Amino acid sequence: MPKQKELCAVSRNRVNVEKIEEDKNLHDEVWIDTELTEELREKGMLREFIRGVQDARKKEGLKPVDRITLQIHREGVLKDFFEKHKDTILSAVHANNIVTITDHGKHEISLGGKDVFFSIIHNP
């Protein structure tokens, strides 16, 4: 494997990167663009929320095949976030539905500096 391709493979395995582009002007160097775009921040928030729900499922003794209803007490500013990513969240956390609640939920996670509270209801 040429050295450049080897560097790209190591970079992809060791660093959370969105894409790798080759620049013929960089001979044996690797340059990493560290700019966090709004799209990358949102993807990170989505991953963090899904990870938090999966951790909560585990703490509650649920198995991956168990279906849930996800109850979210959310800040108004994140309403668009949850609406935009509803299908991805439903699929990833094995939920039948996402509902908004007025009480703080049993679990808490910080997303983009905002606290989001949620509860999990096991669907038999």
PDB file of N, CA and C in Angstrom:
ATOM      1  N   MET A   1       0.864  -1.189   0.000  1.00  0.00           N
ATOM      2  CA  MET A   1       0.000   0.000   0.000  1.00  0.00           C
ATOM      3  C   MET A   1       0.900   1.238   0.000  1.00  0.00           C
ATOM      4  N   PRO A   2       0.696   2.165  -0.932  1.00  0.00           N
ATOM      5  CA  PRO A   2       1.495   3.389  -0.942  1.00  0.00           C
ATOM      6  C   PRO A   2       1.348   4.153   0.380  1.00  0.00           C
ATOM      7  N   LYS A   3       2.388   4.926   0.692  1.00  0.00           N
ATOM      8  CA  LYS A   3       2.437   5.618   1.975  1.00  0.00           C
ATOM      9  C   LYS A   3       1.224   6.528   2.194  1.00  0.00           C
ATOM     10  N   GLN A   4       0.792   7.255   1.163  1.00  0.00           N
ATOM     11  CA  GLN A   4      -0.350   8.170   1.290  1.00  0.00           C
ATOM     12  C   GLN A   4      -1.620   7.416   1.655  1.00  0.00           C
ATOM     13  N   LYS A   5      -1.856   6.284   1.005  1.00  0.00           N
ATOM     14  CA  LYS A   5      -3.040   5.490   1.301  1.00  0.00           C
ATOM     15  C   LYS A   5      -2.963   4.918   2.712  1.00  0.00           C
ATOM     16  N   GLU A   6      -1.762   4.547   3.138  1.00  0.00           N
ATOM     17  CA  GLU A   6      -1.574   4.037   4.499  1.00  0.00           C
ATOM     18  C   GLU A   6      -1.892   5.131   5.520  1.00  0.00           C
ATOM     19  N   LEU A   7      -1.443   6.355   5.272  1.00  0.00           N
ATOM     20  CA  LEU A   7      -1.742   7.480   6.165  1.00  0.00           C
ATOM     21  C   LEU A   7      -3.247   7.741   6.233  1.00  0.00           C
ATOM     22  N   CYS A   8      -3.915   7.658   5.098  1.00  0.00           N
ATOM     23  CA  CYS A   8      -5.370   7.856   5.068  1.00  0.00           C
ATOM     24  C   CYS A   8      -6.084   6.766   5.859  1.00  0.00           C
ATOM     25  N   ALA A   9      -5.633   5.532   5.718  1.00  0.00           N
ATOM     26  CA  ALA A   9      -6.257   4.422   6.450  1.00  0.00           C
ATOM     27  C   ALA A   9      -6.081   4.605   7.949  1.00  0.00           C
ATOM     28  N   VAL A  10      -4.893   5.002   8.375  1.00  0.00           N
ATOM     29  CA  VAL A  10      -4.643   5.233   9.803  1.00  0.00           C
ATOM     30  C   VAL A  10      -5.491   6.402  10.294  1.00  0.00           C
ATOM     31  N   SER A  11      -5.563   7.459   9.514  1.00  0.00           N
ATOM     32  CA  SER A  11      -6.363   8.621   9.901  1.00  0.00           C
ATOM     33  C   SER A  11      -7.822   8.242  10.072  1.00  0.00           C
ATOM     34  N   ARG A  12      -8.366   7.486   9.143  1.00  0.00           N
ATOM     35  CA  ARG A  12      -9.777   7.095   9.200  1.00  0.00           C
ATOM     36  C   ARG A  12     -10.039   6.215  10.424  1.00  0.00           C
ATOM     37  N   ASN A  13      -9.101   5.337  10.766  1.00  0.00           N
ATOM     38  CA  ASN A  13      -9.276   4.431  11.906  1.00  0.00           C
ATOM     39  C   ASN A  13      -9.086   5.120  13.245  1.00  0.00           C
ATOM     40  N   ARG A  14      -8.268   6.124  13.303  1.00  0.00           N
ATOM     41  CA  ARG A  14      -7.919   6.749  14.588  1.00  0.00           C
ATOM     42  C   ARG A  14      -8.662   8.045  14.891  1.00  0.00           C
ATOM     43  N   VAL A  15      -9.183   8.677  13.861  1.00  0.00           N
ATOM     44  CA  VAL A  15      -9.818   9.981  14.025  1.00  0.00           C
ATOM     45  C   VAL A  15     -11.240   9.888  13.479  1.00  0.00           C
ATOM     46  N   ASN A  16     -12.179  10.492  14.169  1.00  0.00           N
ATOM     47  CA  ASN A  16     -13.555  10.511  13.691  1.00  0.00           C
ATOM     48  C   ASN A  16     -13.643  11.554  12.576  1.00  0.00           C
ATOM     49  N   VAL A  17     -13.552  11.087  11.335  1.00  0.00           N
ATOM     50  CA  VAL A  17     -13.564  11.994  10.196  1.00  0.00           C
ATOM     51  C   VAL A  17     -14.781  11.735   9.328  1.00  0.00           C
ATOM     52  N   GLU A  18     -15.246  12.766   8.717  1.00  0.00           N
ATOM     53  CA  GLU A  18     -16.406  12.684   7.834  1.00  0.00           C
ATOM     54  C   GLU A  18     -15.999  12.159   6.461  1.00  0.00           C
ATOM     55  N   LYS A  19     -14.888  12.653   5.932  1.00  0.00           N
ATOM     56  CA  LYS A  19     -14.408  12.185   4.638  1.00  0.00           C
ATOM     57  C   LYS A  19     -12.919  12.465   4.520  1.00  0.00           C
ATOM     58  N   ILE A  20     -12.275  11.740   3.629  1.00  0.00           N
ATOM     59  CA  ILE A  20     -10.856  11.934   3.352  1.00  0.00           C
ATOM     60  C   ILE A  20     -10.726  12.328   1.890  1.00  0.00           C
ATOM     61  N   GLU A  21     -10.006  13.417   1.662  1.00  0.00           N
ATOM     62  CA  GLU A  21      -9.753  13.872   0.299  1.00  0.00           C
ATOM     63  C   GLU A  21      -8.258  13.904   0.075  1.00  0.00           C
ATOM     64  N   GLU A  22      -7.842  13.547  -1.114  1.00  0.00           N
ATOM     65  CA  GLU A  22      -6.428  13.556  -1.442  1.00  0.00           C
ATOM     66  C   GLU A  22      -6.060  14.909  -2.038  1.00  0.00           C
ATOM     67  N   ASP A  23      -4.941  15.463  -1.571  1.00  0.00           N
ATOM     68  CA  ASP A  23      -4.420  16.724  -2.091  1.00  0.00           C
ATOM     69  C   ASP A  23      -3.025  16.448  -2.637  1.00  0.00           C
ATOM     70  N   LYS A  24      -2.858  16.541  -3.935  1.00  0.00           N
ATOM     71  CA  LYS A  24      -1.578  16.231  -4.587  1.00  0.00           C
ATOM     72  C   LYS A  24      -0.465  17.190  -4.146  1.00  0.00           C
ATOM     73  N   ASN A  25      -0.820  18.356  -3.581  1.00  0.00           N
ATOM     74  CA  ASN A  25       0.182  19.324  -3.130  1.00  0.00           C
ATOM     75  C   ASN A  25       0.827  18.913  -1.811  1.00  0.00           C
ATOM     76  N   LEU A  26       0.186  18.024  -1.074  1.00  0.00           N
ATOM     77  CA  LEU A  26       0.755  17.522   0.171  1.00  0.00           C
ATOM     78  C   LEU A  26       1.431  16.189  -0.136  1.00  0.00           C
ATOM     79  N   HIS A  27       2.732  16.152  -0.024  1.00  0.00           N
ATOM     80  CA  HIS A  27       3.463  14.961  -0.459  1.00  0.00           C
ATOM     81  C   HIS A  27       3.324  13.819   0.548  1.00  0.00           C
ATOM     82  N   ASP A  28       3.969  13.903   1.677  1.00  0.00           N
ATOM     83  CA  ASP A  28       3.908  12.843   2.687  1.00  0.00           C
ATOM     84  C   ASP A  28       3.238  13.356   3.948  1.00  0.00           C
ATOM     85  N   GLU A  29       2.384  14.348   3.813  1.00  0.00           N
ATOM     86  CA  GLU A  29       1.750  14.961   4.964  1.00  0.00           C
ATOM     87  C   GLU A  29       0.261  14.652   4.981  1.00  0.00           C
ATOM     88  N   VAL A  30      -0.308  14.745   6.177  1.00  0.00           N
ATOM     89  CA  VAL A  30      -1.752  14.637   6.323  1.00  0.00           C
ATOM     90  C   VAL A  30      -2.211  15.923   6.985  1.00  0.00           C
ATOM     91  N   TRP A  31      -3.217  16.553   6.407  1.00  0.00           N
ATOM     92  CA  TRP A  31      -3.783  17.772   6.963  1.00  0.00           C
ATOM     93  C   TRP A  31      -5.214  17.469   7.376  1.00  0.00           C
ATOM     94  N   ILE A  32      -5.549  17.848   8.586  1.00  0.00           N
ATOM     95  CA  ILE A  32      -6.894  17.592   9.097  1.00  0.00           C
ATOM     96  C   ILE A  32      -7.604  18.921   9.311  1.00  0.00           C
ATOM     97  N   ASP A  33      -8.741  19.069   8.658  1.00  0.00           N
ATOM     98  CA  ASP A  33      -9.578  20.256   8.842  1.00  0.00           C
ATOM     99  C   ASP A  33     -10.380  20.045  10.117  1.00  0.00           C
ATOM    100  N   THR A  34     -10.133  20.862  11.116  1.00  0.00           N
ATOM    101  CA  THR A  34     -10.779  20.685  12.418  1.00  0.00           C
ATOM    102  C   THR A  34     -11.994  21.582  12.611  1.00  0.00           C
ATOM    103  N   GLU A  35     -12.443  22.225  11.541  1.00  0.00           N
ATOM    104  CA  GLU A  35     -13.618  23.089  11.648  1.00  0.00           C
ATOM    105  C   GLU A  35     -14.866  22.243  11.924  1.00  0.00           C
ATOM    106  N   LEU A  36     -15.588  22.622  12.972  1.00  0.00           N
ATOM    107  CA  LEU A  36     -16.837  21.944  13.300  1.00  0.00           C
ATOM    108  C   LEU A  36     -17.986  22.732  12.698  1.00  0.00           C
ATOM    109  N   THR A  37     -18.556  22.178  11.661  1.00  0.00           N
ATOM    110  CA  THR A  37     -19.696  22.824  11.027  1.00  0.00           C
ATOM    111  C   THR A  37     -20.954  22.540  11.844  1.00  0.00           C
ATOM    112  N   GLU A  38     -22.000  23.246  11.565  1.00  0.00           N
ATOM    113  CA  GLU A  38     -23.278  23.012  12.248  1.00  0.00           C
ATOM    114  C   GLU A  38     -23.766  21.592  11.973  1.00  0.00           C
ATOM    115  N   GLU A  39     -23.566  21.126  10.764  1.00  0.00           N
ATOM    116  CA  GLU A  39     -23.970  19.765  10.399  1.00  0.00           C
ATOM    117  C   GLU A  39     -23.216  18.722  11.235  1.00  0.00           C
ATOM    118  N   LEU A  40     -21.909  18.918  11.432  1.00  0.00           N
ATOM    119  CA  LEU A  40     -21.133  17.984  12.254  1.00  0.00           C
ATOM    120  C   LEU A  40     -21.558  18.035  13.716  1.00  0.00           C
ATOM    121  N   ARG A  41     -21.827  19.237  14.221  1.00  0.00           N
ATOM    122  CA  ARG A  41     -22.302  19.366  15.604  1.00  0.00           C
ATOM    123  C   ARG A  41     -23.620  18.601  15.793  1.00  0.00           C
ATOM    124  N   GLU A  42     -24.500  18.748  14.827  1.00  0.00           N
ATOM    125  CA  GLU A  42     -25.797  18.082  14.902  1.00  0.00           C
ATOM    126  C   GLU A  42     -25.645  16.559  14.842  1.00  0.00           C
ATOM    127  N   LYS A  43     -24.761  16.075  13.991  1.00  0.00           N
ATOM    128  CA  LYS A  43     -24.500  14.636  13.928  1.00  0.00           C
ATOM    129  C   LYS A  43     -23.949  14.132  15.258  1.00  0.00           C
ATOM    130  N   GLY A  44     -23.078  14.923  15.863  1.00  0.00           N
ATOM    131  CA  GLY A  44     -22.533  14.553  17.167  1.00  0.00           C
ATOM    132  C   GLY A  44     -23.613  14.521  18.239  1.00  0.00           C
ATOM    133  N   MET A  45     -24.510  15.491  18.220  1.00  0.00           N
ATOM    134  CA  MET A  45     -25.616  15.517  19.174  1.00  0.00           C
ATOM    135  C   MET A  45     -26.513  14.299  18.994  1.00  0.00           C
ATOM    136  N   LEU A  46     -26.772  13.941  17.749  1.00  0.00           N
ATOM    137  CA  LEU A  46     -27.610  12.784  17.464  1.00  0.00           C
ATOM    138  C   LEU A  46     -26.964  11.511  18.004  1.00  0.00           C
ATOM    139  N   ARG A  47     -25.673  11.330  17.729  1.00  0.00           N
ATOM    140  CA  ARG A  47     -24.958  10.155  18.246  1.00  0.00           C
ATOM    141  C   ARG A  47     -24.986  10.135  19.775  1.00  0.00           C
ATOM    142  N   GLU A  48     -24.775  11.284  20.387  1.00  0.00           N
ATOM    143  CA  GLU A  48     -24.756  11.375  21.857  1.00  0.00           C
ATOM    144  C   GLU A  48     -26.126  11.050  22.443  1.00  0.00           C
ATOM    145  N   PHE A  49     -27.190  11.533  21.821  1.00  0.00           N
ATOM    146  CA  PHE A  49     -28.525  11.242  22.326  1.00  0.00           C
ATOM    147  C   PHE A  49     -28.826   9.749  22.199  1.00  0.00           C
ATOM    148  N   ILE A  50     -28.542   9.174  21.047  1.00  0.00           N
ATOM    149  CA  ILE A  50     -28.795   7.745  20.843  1.00  0.00           C
ATOM    150  C   ILE A  50     -27.986   6.921  21.842  1.00  0.00           C
ATOM    151  N   ARG A  51     -26.728   7.285  22.050  1.00  0.00           N
ATOM    152  CA  ARG A  51     -25.891   6.583  23.025  1.00  0.00           C
ATOM    153  C   ARG A  51     -26.488   6.689  24.422  1.00  0.00           C
ATOM    154  N   GLY A  52     -26.975   7.861  24.783  1.00  0.00           N
ATOM    155  CA  GLY A  52     -27.592   8.056  26.097  1.00  0.00           C
ATOM    156  C   GLY A  52     -28.840   7.215  26.292  1.00  0.00           C
ATOM    157  N   VAL A  53     -29.671   7.132  25.260  1.00  0.00           N
ATOM    158  CA  VAL A  53     -30.884   6.308  25.351  1.00  0.00           C
ATOM    159  C   VAL A  53     -30.498   4.833  25.436  1.00  0.00           C
ATOM    160  N   GLN A  54     -29.518   4.421  24.659  1.00  0.00           N
ATOM    161  CA  GLN A  54     -29.080   3.020  24.707  1.00  0.00           C
ATOM    162  C   GLN A  54     -28.531   2.675  26.092  1.00  0.00           C
ATOM    163  N   ASP A  55     -27.775   3.585  26.699  1.00  0.00           N
ATOM    164  CA  ASP A  55     -27.276   3.366  28.061  1.00  0.00           C
ATOM    165  C   ASP A  55     -28.434   3.242  29.048  1.00  0.00           C
ATOM    166  N   ALA A  56     -29.441   4.097  28.895  1.00  0.00           N
ATOM    167  CA  ALA A  56     -30.615   4.054  29.782  1.00  0.00           C
ATOM    168  C   ALA A  56     -31.376   2.741  29.598  1.00  0.00           C
ATOM    169  N   ARG A  57     -31.517   2.284  28.365  1.00  0.00           N
ATOM    170  CA  ARG A  57     -32.171   1.001  28.106  1.00  0.00           C
ATOM    171  C   ARG A  57     -31.442  -0.116  28.851  1.00  0.00           C
ATOM    172  N   LYS A  58     -30.118  -0.093  28.765  1.00  0.00           N
ATOM    173  CA  LYS A  58     -29.309  -1.119  29.415  1.00  0.00           C
ATOM    174  C   LYS A  58     -29.484  -1.074  30.930  1.00  0.00           C
ATOM    175  N   LYS A  59     -29.446   0.128  31.506  1.00  0.00           N
ATOM    176  CA  LYS A  59     -29.628   0.288  32.955  1.00  0.00           C
ATOM    177  C   LYS A  59     -30.992  -0.211  33.412  1.00  0.00           C
ATOM    178  N   GLU A  60     -31.987  -0.109  32.542  1.00  0.00           N
ATOM    179  CA  GLU A  60     -33.332  -0.556  32.890  1.00  0.00           C
ATOM    180  C   GLU A  60     -33.548  -2.034  32.572  1.00  0.00           C
ATOM    181  N   GLY A  61     -32.494  -2.698  32.129  1.00  0.00           N
ATOM    182  CA  GLY A  61     -32.574  -4.131  31.888  1.00  0.00           C
ATOM    183  C   GLY A  61     -33.263  -4.546  30.610  1.00  0.00           C
ATOM    184  N   LEU A  62     -33.396  -3.626  29.675  1.00  0.00           N
ATOM    185  CA  LEU A  62     -34.050  -3.950  28.408  1.00  0.00           C
ATOM    186  C   LEU A  62     -33.070  -4.620  27.453  1.00  0.00           C
ATOM    187  N   LYS A  63     -33.582  -5.499  26.653  1.00  0.00           N
ATOM    188  CA  LYS A  63     -32.792  -6.191  25.637  1.00  0.00           C
ATOM    189  C   LYS A  63     -32.977  -5.463  24.308  1.00  0.00           C
ATOM    190  N   PRO A  64     -32.048  -5.664  23.370  1.00  0.00           N
ATOM    191  CA  PRO A  64     -32.168  -4.982  22.071  1.00  0.00           C
ATOM    192  C   PRO A  64     -33.494  -5.242  21.350  1.00  0.00           C
ATOM    193  N   VAL A  65     -34.106  -6.408  21.571  1.00  0.00           N
ATOM    194  CA  VAL A  65     -35.371  -6.715  20.885  1.00  0.00           C
ATOM    195  C   VAL A  65     -36.575  -6.045  21.542  1.00  0.00           C
ATOM    196  N   ASP A  66     -36.409  -5.539  22.766  1.00  0.00           N
ATOM    197  CA  ASP A  66     -37.518  -4.894  23.470  1.00  0.00           C
ATOM    198  C   ASP A  66     -37.849  -3.554  22.827  1.00  0.00           C
ATOM    199  N   ARG A  67     -39.118  -3.340  22.543  1.00  0.00           N
ATOM    200  CA  ARG A  67     -39.584  -2.091  21.950  1.00  0.00           C
ATOM    201  C   ARG A  67     -39.972  -1.122  23.067  1.00  0.00           C
ATOM    202  N   ILE A  68     -39.803   0.169  22.809  1.00  0.00           N
ATOM    203  CA  ILE A  68     -40.085   1.185  23.822  1.00  0.00           C
ATOM    204  C   ILE A  68     -40.889   2.338  23.232  1.00  0.00           C
ATOM    205  N   THR A  69     -41.444   3.136  24.142  1.00  0.00           N
ATOM    206  CA  THR A  69     -41.908   4.474  23.812  1.00  0.00           C
ATOM    207  C   THR A  69     -40.937   5.411  24.511  1.00  0.00           C
ATOM    208  N   LEU A  70     -40.430   6.360  23.778  1.00  0.00           N
ATOM    209  CA  LEU A  70     -39.473   7.315  24.317  1.00  0.00           C
ATOM    210  C   LEU A  70     -40.213   8.592  24.666  1.00  0.00           C
ATOM    211  N   GLN A  71     -40.187   8.959  25.943  1.00  0.00           N
ATOM    212  CA  GLN A  71     -40.829  10.187  26.404  1.00  0.00           C
ATOM    213  C   GLN A  71     -39.742  11.232  26.611  1.00  0.00           C
ATOM    214  N   ILE A  72     -39.895  12.387  25.966  1.00  0.00           N
ATOM    215  CA  ILE A  72     -38.864  13.425  26.025  1.00  0.00           C
ATOM    216  C   ILE A  72     -39.459  14.722  26.548  1.00  0.00           C
ATOM    217  N   HIS A  73     -38.823  15.257  27.589  1.00  0.00           N
ATOM    218  CA  HIS A  73     -39.091  16.627  28.024  1.00  0.00           C
ATOM    219  C   HIS A  73     -37.973  17.433  27.392  1.00  0.00           C
ATOM    220  N   ARG A  74     -38.293  18.243  26.429  1.00  0.00           N
ATOM    221  CA  ARG A  74     -37.237  18.913  25.682  1.00  0.00           C
ATOM    222  C   ARG A  74     -37.389  20.417  25.716  1.00  0.00           C
ATOM    223  N   GLU A  75     -36.250  21.048  25.615  1.00  0.00           N
ATOM    224  CA  GLU A  75     -36.227  22.499  25.503  1.00  0.00           C
ATOM    225  C   GLU A  75     -36.789  22.876  24.135  1.00  0.00           C
ATOM    226  N   GLY A  76     -37.480  23.985  24.062  1.00  0.00           N
ATOM    227  CA  GLY A  76     -38.081  24.414  22.804  1.00  0.00           C
ATOM    228  C   GLY A  76     -37.089  24.533  21.668  1.00  0.00           C
ATOM    229  N   VAL A  77     -35.854  24.909  21.988  1.00  0.00           N
ATOM    230  CA  VAL A  77     -34.849  25.116  20.955  1.00  0.00           C
ATOM    231  C   VAL A  77     -34.458  23.799  20.278  1.00  0.00           C
ATOM    232  N   LEU A  78     -34.638  22.674  20.950  1.00  0.00           N
ATOM    233  CA  LEU A  78     -34.283  21.384  20.373  1.00  0.00           C
ATOM    234  C   LEU A  78     -35.462  20.693  19.681  1.00  0.00           C
ATOM    235  N   LYS A  79     -36.613  21.329  19.689  1.00  0.00           N
ATOM    236  CA  LYS A  79     -37.797  20.726  19.079  1.00  0.00           C
ATOM    237  C   LYS A  79     -37.539  20.361  17.620  1.00  0.00           C
ATOM    238  N   ASP A  80     -36.954  21.270  16.873  1.00  0.00           N
ATOM    239  CA  ASP A  80     -36.649  21.014  15.466  1.00  0.00           C
ATOM    240  C   ASP A  80     -35.665  19.857  15.314  1.00  0.00           C
ATOM    241  N   PHE A  81     -34.703  19.774  16.209  1.00  0.00           N
ATOM    242  CA  PHE A  81     -33.716  18.697  16.176  1.00  0.00           C
ATOM    243  C   PHE A  81     -34.399  17.333  16.270  1.00  0.00           C
ATOM    244  N   PHE A  82     -35.309  17.185  17.251  1.00  0.00           N
ATOM    245  CA  PHE A  82     -35.983  15.901  17.443  1.00  0.00           C
ATOM    246  C   PHE A  82     -36.953  15.594  16.297  1.00  0.00           C
ATOM    247  N   GLU A  83     -37.593  16.611  15.760  1.00  0.00           N
ATOM    248  CA  GLU A  83     -38.485  16.380  14.626  1.00  0.00           C
ATOM    249  C   GLU A  83     -37.693  15.958  13.384  1.00  0.00           C
ATOM    250  N   LYS A  84     -36.571  16.603  13.156  1.00  0.00           N
ATOM    251  CA  LYS A  84     -35.737  16.315  11.996  1.00  0.00           C
ATOM    252  C   LYS A  84     -35.169  14.892  12.052  1.00  0.00           C
ATOM    253  N   HIS A  85     -34.800  14.436  13.246  1.00  0.00           N
ATOM    254  CA  HIS A  85     -34.113  13.149  13.393  1.00  0.00           C
ATOM    255  C   HIS A  85     -34.995  12.056  13.987  1.00  0.00           C
ATOM    256  N   LYS A  86     -36.293  12.278  13.988  1.00  0.00           N
ATOM    257  CA  LYS A  86     -37.219  11.336  14.621  1.00  0.00           C
ATOM    258  C   LYS A  86     -37.056   9.920  14.082  1.00  0.00           C
ATOM    259  N   ASP A  87     -37.061   9.746  12.777  1.00  0.00           N
ATOM    260  CA  ASP A  87     -36.985   8.405  12.196  1.00  0.00           C
ATOM    261  C   ASP A  87     -35.673   7.704  12.557  1.00  0.00           C
ATOM    262  N   THR A  88     -34.576   8.433  12.529  1.00  0.00           N
ATOM    263  CA  THR A  88     -33.279   7.859  12.882  1.00  0.00           C
ATOM    264  C   THR A  88     -33.266   7.419  14.339  1.00  0.00           C
ATOM    265  N   ILE A  89     -33.797   8.270  15.223  1.00  0.00           N
ATOM    266  CA  ILE A  89     -33.850   7.946  16.649  1.00  0.00           C
ATOM    267  C   ILE A  89     -34.738   6.734  16.889  1.00  0.00           C
ATOM    268  N   LEU A  90     -35.939   6.733  16.300  1.00  0.00           N
ATOM    269  CA  LEU A  90     -36.860   5.608  16.476  1.00  0.00           C
ATOM    270  C   LEU A  90     -36.186   4.288  16.101  1.00  0.00           C
ATOM    271  N   SER A  91     -35.532   4.271  14.976  1.00  0.00           N
ATOM    272  CA  SER A  91     -34.881   3.053  14.499  1.00  0.00           C
ATOM    273  C   SER A  91     -33.719   2.642  15.404  1.00  0.00           C
ATOM    274  N   ALA A  92     -32.882   3.598  15.756  1.00  0.00           N
ATOM    275  CA  ALA A  92     -31.662   3.291  16.511  1.00  0.00           C
ATOM    276  C   ALA A  92     -31.937   2.805  17.930  1.00  0.00           C
ATOM    277  N   VAL A  93     -32.995   3.329  18.563  1.00  0.00           N
ATOM    278  CA  VAL A  93     -33.255   2.961  19.972  1.00  0.00           C
ATOM    279  C   VAL A  93     -34.407   1.962  20.099  1.00  0.00           C
ATOM    280  N   HIS A  94     -34.875   1.448  18.974  1.00  0.00           N
ATOM    281  CA  HIS A  94     -35.957   0.448  18.946  1.00  0.00           C
ATOM    282  C   HIS A  94     -37.219   0.979  19.627  1.00  0.00           C
ATOM    283  N   ALA A  95     -37.609   2.183  19.220  1.00  0.00           N
ATOM    284  CA  ALA A  95     -38.798   2.820  19.785  1.00  0.00           C
ATOM    285  C   ALA A  95     -39.937   2.787  18.783  1.00  0.00           C
ATOM    286  N   ASN A  96     -41.139   2.622  19.305  1.00  0.00           N
ATOM    287  CA  ASN A  96     -42.335   2.686  18.467  1.00  0.00           C
ATOM    288  C   ASN A  96     -42.799   4.122  18.289  1.00  0.00           C
ATOM    289  N   ASN A  97     -42.480   4.958  19.287  1.00  0.00           N
ATOM    290  CA  ASN A  97     -43.000   6.318  19.263  1.00  0.00           C
ATOM    291  C   ASN A  97     -42.131   7.213  20.139  1.00  0.00           C
ATOM    292  N   ILE A  98     -42.151   8.494  19.825  1.00  0.00           N
ATOM    293  CA  ILE A  98     -41.543   9.523  20.668  1.00  0.00           C
ATOM    294  C   ILE A  98     -42.649  10.474  21.053  1.00  0.00           C
ATOM    295  N   VAL A  99     -42.816  10.695  22.344  1.00  0.00           N
ATOM    296  CA  VAL A  99     -43.832  11.624  22.819  1.00  0.00           C
ATOM    297  C   VAL A  99     -43.182  12.674  23.700  1.00  0.00           C
ATOM    298  N   THR A 100     -43.779  13.837  23.701  1.00  0.00           N
ATOM    299  CA  THR A 100     -43.301  14.932  24.538  1.00  0.00           C
ATOM    300  C   THR A 100     -44.015  14.892  25.875  1.00  0.00           C
ATOM    301  N   ILE A 101     -43.261  15.068  26.958  1.00  0.00           N
ATOM    302  CA  ILE A 101     -43.841  15.096  28.300  1.00  0.00           C
ATOM    303  C   ILE A 101     -43.524  16.437  28.951  1.00  0.00           C
ATOM    304  N   THR A 102     -44.341  16.812  29.926  1.00  0.00           N
ATOM    305  CA  THR A 102     -44.123  18.082  30.623  1.00  0.00           C
ATOM    306  C   THR A 102     -43.255  17.910  31.861  1.00  0.00           C
ATOM    307  N   ASP A 103     -43.259  16.711  32.443  1.00  0.00           N
ATOM    308  CA  ASP A 103     -42.410  16.452  33.611  1.00  0.00           C
ATOM    309  C   ASP A 103     -41.004  16.113  33.151  1.00  0.00           C
ATOM    310  N   HIS A 104     -40.055  16.346  34.055  1.00  0.00           N
ATOM    311  CA  HIS A 104     -38.700  15.900  33.758  1.00  0.00           C
ATOM    312  C   HIS A 104     -38.696  14.385  33.785  1.00  0.00           C
ATOM    313  N   GLY A 105     -37.982  13.793  32.875  1.00  0.00           N
ATOM    314  CA  GLY A 105     -37.930  12.345  32.799  1.00  0.00           C
ATOM    315  C   GLY A 105     -36.957  11.766  33.811  1.00  0.00           C
ATOM    316  N   LYS A 106     -36.845  10.461  33.770  1.00  0.00           N
ATOM    317  CA  LYS A 106     -35.989   9.718  34.684  1.00  0.00           C
ATOM    318  C   LYS A 106     -34.509   9.872  34.340  1.00  0.00           C
ATOM    319  N   HIS A 107     -34.197  10.114  33.071  1.00  0.00           N
ATOM    320  CA  HIS A 107     -32.814  10.193  32.597  1.00  0.00           C
ATOM    321  C   HIS A 107     -32.532  11.594  32.065  1.00  0.00           C
ATOM    322  N   GLU A 108     -31.257  11.976  32.087  1.00  0.00           N
ATOM    323  CA  GLU A 108     -30.855  13.302  31.624  1.00  0.00           C
ATOM    324  C   GLU A 108     -29.611  13.184  30.758  1.00  0.00           C
ATOM    325  N   ILE A 109     -29.579  13.984  29.711  1.00  0.00           N
ATOM    326  CA  ILE A 109     -28.405  14.053  28.846  1.00  0.00           C
ATOM    327  C   ILE A 109     -28.249  15.497  28.373  1.00  0.00           C
ATOM    328  N   SER A 110     -27.011  15.932  28.221  1.00  0.00           N
ATOM    329  CA  SER A 110     -26.748  17.288  27.750  1.00  0.00           C
ATOM    330  C   SER A 110     -26.454  17.232  26.248  1.00  0.00           C
ATOM    331  N   LEU A 111     -27.218  18.015  25.501  1.00  0.00           N
ATOM    332  CA  LEU A 111     -27.034  18.090  24.047  1.00  0.00           C
ATOM    333  C   LEU A 111     -26.816  19.532  23.643  1.00  0.00           C
ATOM    334  N   GLY A 112     -25.655  19.826  23.138  1.00  0.00           N
ATOM    335  CA  GLY A 112     -25.373  21.180  22.685  1.00  0.00           C
ATOM    336  C   GLY A 112     -25.564  22.213  23.779  1.00  0.00           C
ATOM    337  N   GLY A 113     -25.222  21.849  25.012  1.00  0.00           N
ATOM    338  CA  GLY A 113     -25.358  22.765  26.134  1.00  0.00           C
ATOM    339  C   GLY A 113     -26.759  22.839  26.725  1.00  0.00           C
ATOM    340  N   LYS A 114     -27.672  22.068  26.206  1.00  0.00           N
ATOM    341  CA  LYS A 114     -29.052  22.026  26.716  1.00  0.00           C
ATOM    342  C   LYS A 114     -29.297  20.684  27.390  1.00  0.00           C
ATOM    343  N   ASP A 115     -29.933  20.707  28.543  1.00  0.00           N
ATOM    344  CA  ASP A 115     -30.285  19.471  29.227  1.00  0.00           C
ATOM    345  C   ASP A 115     -31.585  18.924  28.663  1.00  0.00           C
ATOM    346  N   VAL A 116     -31.564  17.652  28.314  1.00  0.00           N
ATOM    347  CA  VAL A 116     -32.745  16.963  27.804  1.00  0.00           C
ATOM    348  C   VAL A 116     -33.052  15.834  28.775  1.00  0.00           C
ATOM    349  N   PHE A 117     -34.278  15.790  29.241  1.00  0.00           N
ATOM    350  CA  PHE A 117     -34.722  14.754  30.156  1.00  0.00           C
ATOM    351  C   PHE A 117     -35.631  13.797  29.391  1.00  0.00           C
ATOM    352  N   PHE A 118     -35.494  12.494  29.696  1.00  0.00           N
ATOM    353  CA  PHE A 118     -36.332  11.524  28.997  1.00  0.00           C
ATOM    354  C   PHE A 118     -36.612  10.326  29.893  1.00  0.00           C
ATOM    355  N   SER A 119     -37.658   9.623  29.559  1.00  0.00           N
ATOM    356  CA  SER A 119     -38.018   8.381  30.211  1.00  0.00           C
ATOM    357  C   SER A 119     -38.268   7.344  29.135  1.00  0.00           C
ATOM    358  N   ILE A 120     -38.147   6.093  29.550  1.00  0.00           N
ATOM    359  CA  ILE A 120     -38.365   4.970  28.652  1.00  0.00           C
ATOM    360  C   ILE A 120     -39.526   4.145  29.181  1.00  0.00           C
ATOM    361  N   ILE A 121     -40.492   3.889  28.323  1.00  0.00           N
ATOM    362  CA  ILE A 121     -41.618   3.031  28.671  1.00  0.00           C
ATOM    363  C   ILE A 121     -41.493   1.758  27.839  1.00  0.00           C
ATOM    364  N   HIS A 122     -41.415   0.615  28.513  1.00  0.00           N
ATOM    365  CA  HIS A 122     -41.299  -0.666  27.807  1.00  0.00           C
ATOM    366  C   HIS A 122     -42.639  -1.035  27.212  1.00  0.00           C
ATOM    367  N   ASN A 123     -42.646  -1.329  25.920  1.00  0.00           N
ATOM    368  CA  ASN A 123     -43.860  -1.767  25.227  1.00  0.00           C
ATOM    369  C   ASN A 123     -43.841  -3.297  25.175  1.00  0.00           C
ATOM    370  N   PRO A 124     -44.807  -3.931  25.814  1.00  0.00           N
ATOM    371  CA  PRO A 124     -44.825  -5.409  25.808  1.00  0.00           C
ATOM    372  C   PRO A 124     -45.085  -5.970  24.421  1.00  0.00           C
TER     373      PRO A 124
END
